Amino acid sequence: MSNKDIVIWRKELIEVAKSLDVHKFRAFYNKWYIRGMYDVPLPKDLKVIELTYYKMVCNLDDVPEYVKKRARAILKAMGSSEEICRKKV
């Protein structure tokens, strides 16, 4: 991947994150998976994809707080949190 590709990828990632649209995320991921940005295909389970997507949205610096707030509410309704990994106790 060239630096230009990475800049385009990042811009598209932020736009997809701001949309809060899981279907746009799937299309984005598959597009960049084919181009070699990702080594692992998306899981088949839609709930896993949704959890991954909303957690990602909550943890991106370039996403507005109002979008993160909505993503947190969706995660809470799904019985999850915005944390990527569980904290060790």
N, C-alpha and C. Protein backbone atom coordinates (compact mmCIF):
# COMPACT_ATOMS: atom_id res chain seq x y z
N MET A 1 0.84 -1.18 0.00
CA MET A 1 0.00 0.00 0.00
C MET A 1 0.88 1.24 0.00
N SER A 2 0.50 2.16 -0.82
CA SER A 2 1.25 3.42 -0.89
C SER A 2 0.74 4.38 0.18
N ASN A 3 1.51 5.42 0.43
CA ASN A 3 1.07 6.46 1.39
C ASN A 3 -0.24 7.09 0.93
N LYS A 4 -0.38 7.26 -0.38
CA LYS A 4 -1.61 7.84 -0.93
C LYS A 4 -2.81 6.95 -0.60
N ASP A 5 -2.63 5.62 -0.74
CA ASP A 5 -3.70 4.68 -0.41
C ASP A 5 -4.08 4.77 1.06
N ILE A 6 -3.08 4.92 1.91
CA ILE A 6 -3.35 4.99 3.36
C ILE A 6 -4.12 6.26 3.70
N VAL A 7 -3.78 7.36 3.06
CA VAL A 7 -4.51 8.62 3.28
C VAL A 7 -5.96 8.47 2.84
N ILE A 8 -6.17 7.86 1.68
CA ILE A 8 -7.53 7.64 1.17
C ILE A 8 -8.29 6.70 2.11
N TRP A 9 -7.63 5.62 2.56
CA TRP A 9 -8.24 4.66 3.47
C TRP A 9 -8.70 5.35 4.75
N ARG A 10 -7.83 6.18 5.34
CA ARG A 10 -8.15 6.86 6.60
C ARG A 10 -9.35 7.80 6.41
N LYS A 11 -9.35 8.55 5.31
CA LYS A 11 -10.46 9.47 5.04
C LYS A 11 -11.77 8.70 4.91
N GLU A 12 -11.75 7.61 4.16
CA GLU A 12 -12.96 6.79 3.99
C GLU A 12 -13.38 6.14 5.31
N LEU A 13 -12.42 5.72 6.11
CA LEU A 13 -12.73 5.12 7.41
C LEU A 13 -13.48 6.10 8.30
N ILE A 14 -13.02 7.32 8.36
CA ILE A 14 -13.68 8.33 9.19
C ILE A 14 -15.08 8.62 8.68
N GLU A 15 -15.25 8.72 7.37
CA GLU A 15 -16.59 8.96 6.80
C GLU A 15 -17.54 7.81 7.13
N VAL A 16 -17.05 6.60 7.02
CA VAL A 16 -17.88 5.43 7.35
C VAL A 16 -18.21 5.43 8.84
N ALA A 17 -17.25 5.79 9.66
CA ALA A 17 -17.49 5.83 11.11
C ALA A 17 -18.54 6.88 11.46
N LYS A 18 -18.46 8.03 10.83
CA LYS A 18 -19.43 9.11 11.10
C LYS A 18 -20.85 8.74 10.67
N SER A 19 -20.97 7.84 9.69
CA SER A 19 -22.29 7.48 9.17
C SER A 19 -23.08 6.59 10.12
N LEU A 20 -22.40 5.87 11.00
CA LEU A 20 -23.03 4.87 11.87
C LEU A 20 -23.87 3.86 11.07
N ASP A 21 -23.39 3.53 9.90
CA ASP A 21 -24.08 2.60 9.00
C ASP A 21 -23.24 1.33 8.84
N VAL A 22 -23.68 0.25 9.46
CA VAL A 22 -22.94 -1.00 9.44
C VAL A 22 -22.78 -1.53 8.01
N HIS A 23 -23.77 -1.32 7.17
CA HIS A 23 -23.68 -1.81 5.79
C HIS A 23 -22.59 -1.06 5.01
N LYS A 24 -22.45 0.24 5.27
CA LYS A 24 -21.36 0.99 4.64
C LYS A 24 -20.01 0.49 5.15
N PHE A 25 -19.96 0.16 6.45
CA PHE A 25 -18.73 -0.38 7.02
C PHE A 25 -18.36 -1.71 6.35
N ARG A 26 -19.33 -2.57 6.16
CA ARG A 26 -19.06 -3.86 5.51
C ARG A 26 -18.51 -3.65 4.10
N ALA A 27 -19.11 -2.74 3.35
CA ALA A 27 -18.65 -2.46 1.99
C ALA A 27 -17.23 -1.88 2.02
N PHE A 28 -16.99 -0.95 2.95
CA PHE A 28 -15.67 -0.35 3.09
C PHE A 28 -14.63 -1.42 3.42
N TYR A 29 -14.93 -2.26 4.40
CA TYR A 29 -13.98 -3.29 4.84
C TYR A 29 -13.68 -4.25 3.69
N ASN A 30 -14.70 -4.70 3.02
CA ASN A 30 -14.50 -5.64 1.92
C ASN A 30 -13.68 -5.02 0.78
N LYS A 31 -13.94 -3.76 0.49
CA LYS A 31 -13.17 -3.05 -0.55
C LYS A 31 -11.69 -3.05 -0.20
N TRP A 32 -11.37 -2.69 1.04
CA TRP A 32 -9.97 -2.60 1.44
C TRP A 32 -9.37 -3.96 1.75
N TYR A 33 -10.19 -4.94 2.10
CA TYR A 33 -9.69 -6.31 2.27
C TYR A 33 -9.17 -6.83 0.93
N ILE A 34 -9.92 -6.60 -0.12
CA ILE A 34 -9.52 -7.03 -1.47
C ILE A 34 -8.22 -6.33 -1.88
N ARG A 35 -8.04 -5.08 -1.46
CA ARG A 35 -6.83 -4.33 -1.82
C ARG A 35 -5.64 -4.67 -0.92
N GLY A 36 -5.85 -5.49 0.09
CA GLY A 36 -4.74 -5.94 0.93
C GLY A 36 -4.51 -5.16 2.20
N MET A 37 -5.43 -4.26 2.57
CA MET A 37 -5.26 -3.50 3.81
C MET A 37 -5.48 -4.39 5.04
N TYR A 38 -6.36 -5.35 4.92
CA TYR A 38 -6.67 -6.24 6.04
C TYR A 38 -6.29 -7.67 5.67
N ASP A 39 -5.84 -8.43 6.67
CA ASP A 39 -5.45 -9.82 6.46
C ASP A 39 -6.60 -10.79 6.72
N VAL A 40 -7.60 -10.34 7.44
CA VAL A 40 -8.68 -11.23 7.89
C VAL A 40 -10.01 -10.74 7.31
N PRO A 41 -10.78 -11.64 6.69
CA PRO A 41 -12.10 -11.23 6.20
C PRO A 41 -13.04 -10.94 7.37
N LEU A 42 -14.11 -10.21 7.08
CA LEU A 42 -15.12 -9.95 8.10
C LEU A 42 -15.75 -11.26 8.57
N PRO A 43 -16.11 -11.32 9.84
CA PRO A 43 -16.84 -12.50 10.32
C PRO A 43 -18.20 -12.61 9.63
N LYS A 44 -18.78 -13.77 9.64
CA LYS A 44 -20.10 -13.97 9.03
C LYS A 44 -21.22 -13.51 9.95
N ASP A 45 -20.98 -13.52 11.24
CA ASP A 45 -21.99 -13.16 12.24
C ASP A 45 -22.19 -11.64 12.27
N LEU A 46 -23.39 -11.19 11.93
CA LEU A 46 -23.69 -9.76 11.87
C LEU A 46 -23.51 -9.08 13.23
N LYS A 47 -23.86 -9.75 14.31
CA LYS A 47 -23.71 -9.14 15.64
C LYS A 47 -22.24 -8.85 15.95
N VAL A 48 -21.36 -9.76 15.56
CA VAL A 48 -19.93 -9.55 15.77
C VAL A 48 -19.45 -8.35 14.95
N ILE A 49 -19.93 -8.24 13.72
CA ILE A 49 -19.57 -7.10 12.87
C ILE A 49 -20.07 -5.80 13.50
N GLU A 50 -21.31 -5.80 13.96
CA GLU A 50 -21.88 -4.60 14.58
C GLU A 50 -21.09 -4.19 15.81
N LEU A 51 -20.80 -5.15 16.69
CA LEU A 51 -20.04 -4.83 17.90
C LEU A 51 -18.67 -4.26 17.54
N THR A 52 -18.00 -4.89 16.59
CA THR A 52 -16.69 -4.41 16.15
C THR A 52 -16.78 -2.99 15.62
N TYR A 53 -17.76 -2.75 14.78
CA TYR A 53 -17.93 -1.43 14.16
C TYR A 53 -18.20 -0.35 15.20
N TYR A 54 -19.17 -0.56 16.06
CA TYR A 54 -19.52 0.48 17.03
C TYR A 54 -18.40 0.72 18.04
N LYS A 55 -17.68 -0.33 18.43
CA LYS A 55 -16.52 -0.15 19.31
C LYS A 55 -15.43 0.65 18.60
N MET A 56 -15.22 0.37 17.33
CA MET A 56 -14.24 1.13 16.55
C MET A 56 -14.62 2.61 16.52
N VAL A 57 -15.90 2.90 16.24
CA VAL A 57 -16.37 4.29 16.18
C VAL A 57 -16.06 5.01 17.49
N CYS A 58 -16.32 4.35 18.61
CA CYS A 58 -16.09 4.96 19.92
C CYS A 58 -14.62 5.25 20.20
N ASN A 59 -13.73 4.55 19.53
CA ASN A 59 -12.31 4.65 19.84
C ASN A 59 -11.48 5.37 18.78
N LEU A 60 -12.12 6.00 17.82
CA LEU A 60 -11.41 6.79 16.81
C LEU A 60 -11.36 8.25 17.26
N ASP A 61 -10.19 8.85 17.20
CA ASP A 61 -10.02 10.24 17.64
C ASP A 61 -10.74 11.24 16.73
N ASP A 62 -10.85 10.93 15.44
CA ASP A 62 -11.38 11.89 14.47
C ASP A 62 -12.90 11.87 14.33
N VAL A 63 -13.57 11.13 15.17
CA VAL A 63 -15.03 11.04 15.10
C VAL A 63 -15.64 12.01 16.12
N PRO A 64 -16.62 12.81 15.71
CA PRO A 64 -17.24 13.77 16.64
C PRO A 64 -17.88 13.08 17.85
N GLU A 65 -17.90 13.78 18.95
CA GLU A 65 -18.42 13.21 20.20
C GLU A 65 -19.89 12.81 20.08
N TYR A 66 -20.71 13.56 19.34
CA TYR A 66 -22.12 13.20 19.22
C TYR A 66 -22.30 11.86 18.50
N VAL A 67 -21.39 11.52 17.59
CA VAL A 67 -21.44 10.22 16.91
C VAL A 67 -21.02 9.13 17.89
N LYS A 68 -19.96 9.40 18.66
CA LYS A 68 -19.51 8.42 19.66
C LYS A 68 -20.60 8.16 20.70
N LYS A 69 -21.30 9.21 21.08
CA LYS A 69 -22.37 9.08 22.08
C LYS A 69 -23.47 8.15 21.55
N ARG A 70 -23.83 8.32 20.30
CA ARG A 70 -24.85 7.45 19.68
C ARG A 70 -24.34 6.00 19.60
N ALA A 71 -23.08 5.83 19.23
CA ALA A 71 -22.50 4.49 19.16
C ALA A 71 -22.48 3.83 20.54
N ARG A 72 -22.16 4.61 21.58
CA ARG A 72 -22.18 4.07 22.95
C ARG A 72 -23.58 3.61 23.33
N ALA A 73 -24.59 4.40 22.96
CA ALA A 73 -25.98 4.04 23.27
C ALA A 73 -26.36 2.74 22.56
N ILE A 74 -25.93 2.58 21.32
CA ILE A 74 -26.22 1.36 20.57
C ILE A 74 -25.54 0.18 21.25
N LEU A 75 -24.28 0.35 21.63
CA LEU A 75 -23.56 -0.73 22.31
C LEU A 75 -24.23 -1.10 23.63
N LYS A 76 -24.66 -0.10 24.38
CA LYS A 76 -25.34 -0.36 25.65
C LYS A 76 -26.62 -1.15 25.41
N ALA A 77 -27.38 -0.80 24.37
CA ALA A 77 -28.60 -1.52 24.04
C ALA A 77 -28.30 -2.97 23.63
N MET A 78 -27.09 -3.19 23.11
CA MET A 78 -26.68 -4.54 22.71
C MET A 78 -26.07 -5.32 23.89
N GLY A 79 -25.97 -4.65 25.05
CA GLY A 79 -25.40 -5.31 26.22
C GLY A 79 -23.88 -5.29 26.24
N SER A 80 -23.28 -4.28 25.60
CA SER A 80 -21.82 -4.21 25.53
C SER A 80 -21.36 -2.82 25.91
N SER A 81 -20.05 -2.61 25.88
CA SER A 81 -19.46 -1.31 26.19
C SER A 81 -18.53 -0.91 25.05
N GLU A 82 -17.99 0.30 25.15
CA GLU A 82 -17.12 0.79 24.10
C GLU A 82 -15.69 0.26 24.22
N GLU A 83 -15.39 -0.41 25.30
CA GLU A 83 -14.03 -0.90 25.52
C GLU A 83 -13.70 -2.01 24.52
N ILE A 84 -12.48 -1.96 24.02
CA ILE A 84 -12.02 -2.97 23.07
C ILE A 84 -11.66 -4.26 23.80
N CYS A 85 -10.95 -4.14 24.89
CA CYS A 85 -10.53 -5.31 25.69
C CYS A 85 -11.01 -5.14 27.12
N ARG A 86 -11.26 -6.25 27.76
CA ARG A 86 -11.62 -6.18 29.17
C ARG A 86 -10.40 -5.79 29.98
N LYS A 87 -10.63 -4.98 30.97
CA LYS A 87 -9.54 -4.59 31.86
C LYS A 87 -9.31 -5.72 32.85
N LYS A 88 -8.04 -6.00 33.12
CA LYS A 88 -7.70 -7.02 34.12
C LYS A 88 -7.97 -6.46 35.50
N VAL A 89 -8.53 -7.29 36.34
CA VAL A 89 -8.85 -6.86 37.71
C VAL A 89 -7.72 -7.26 38.63
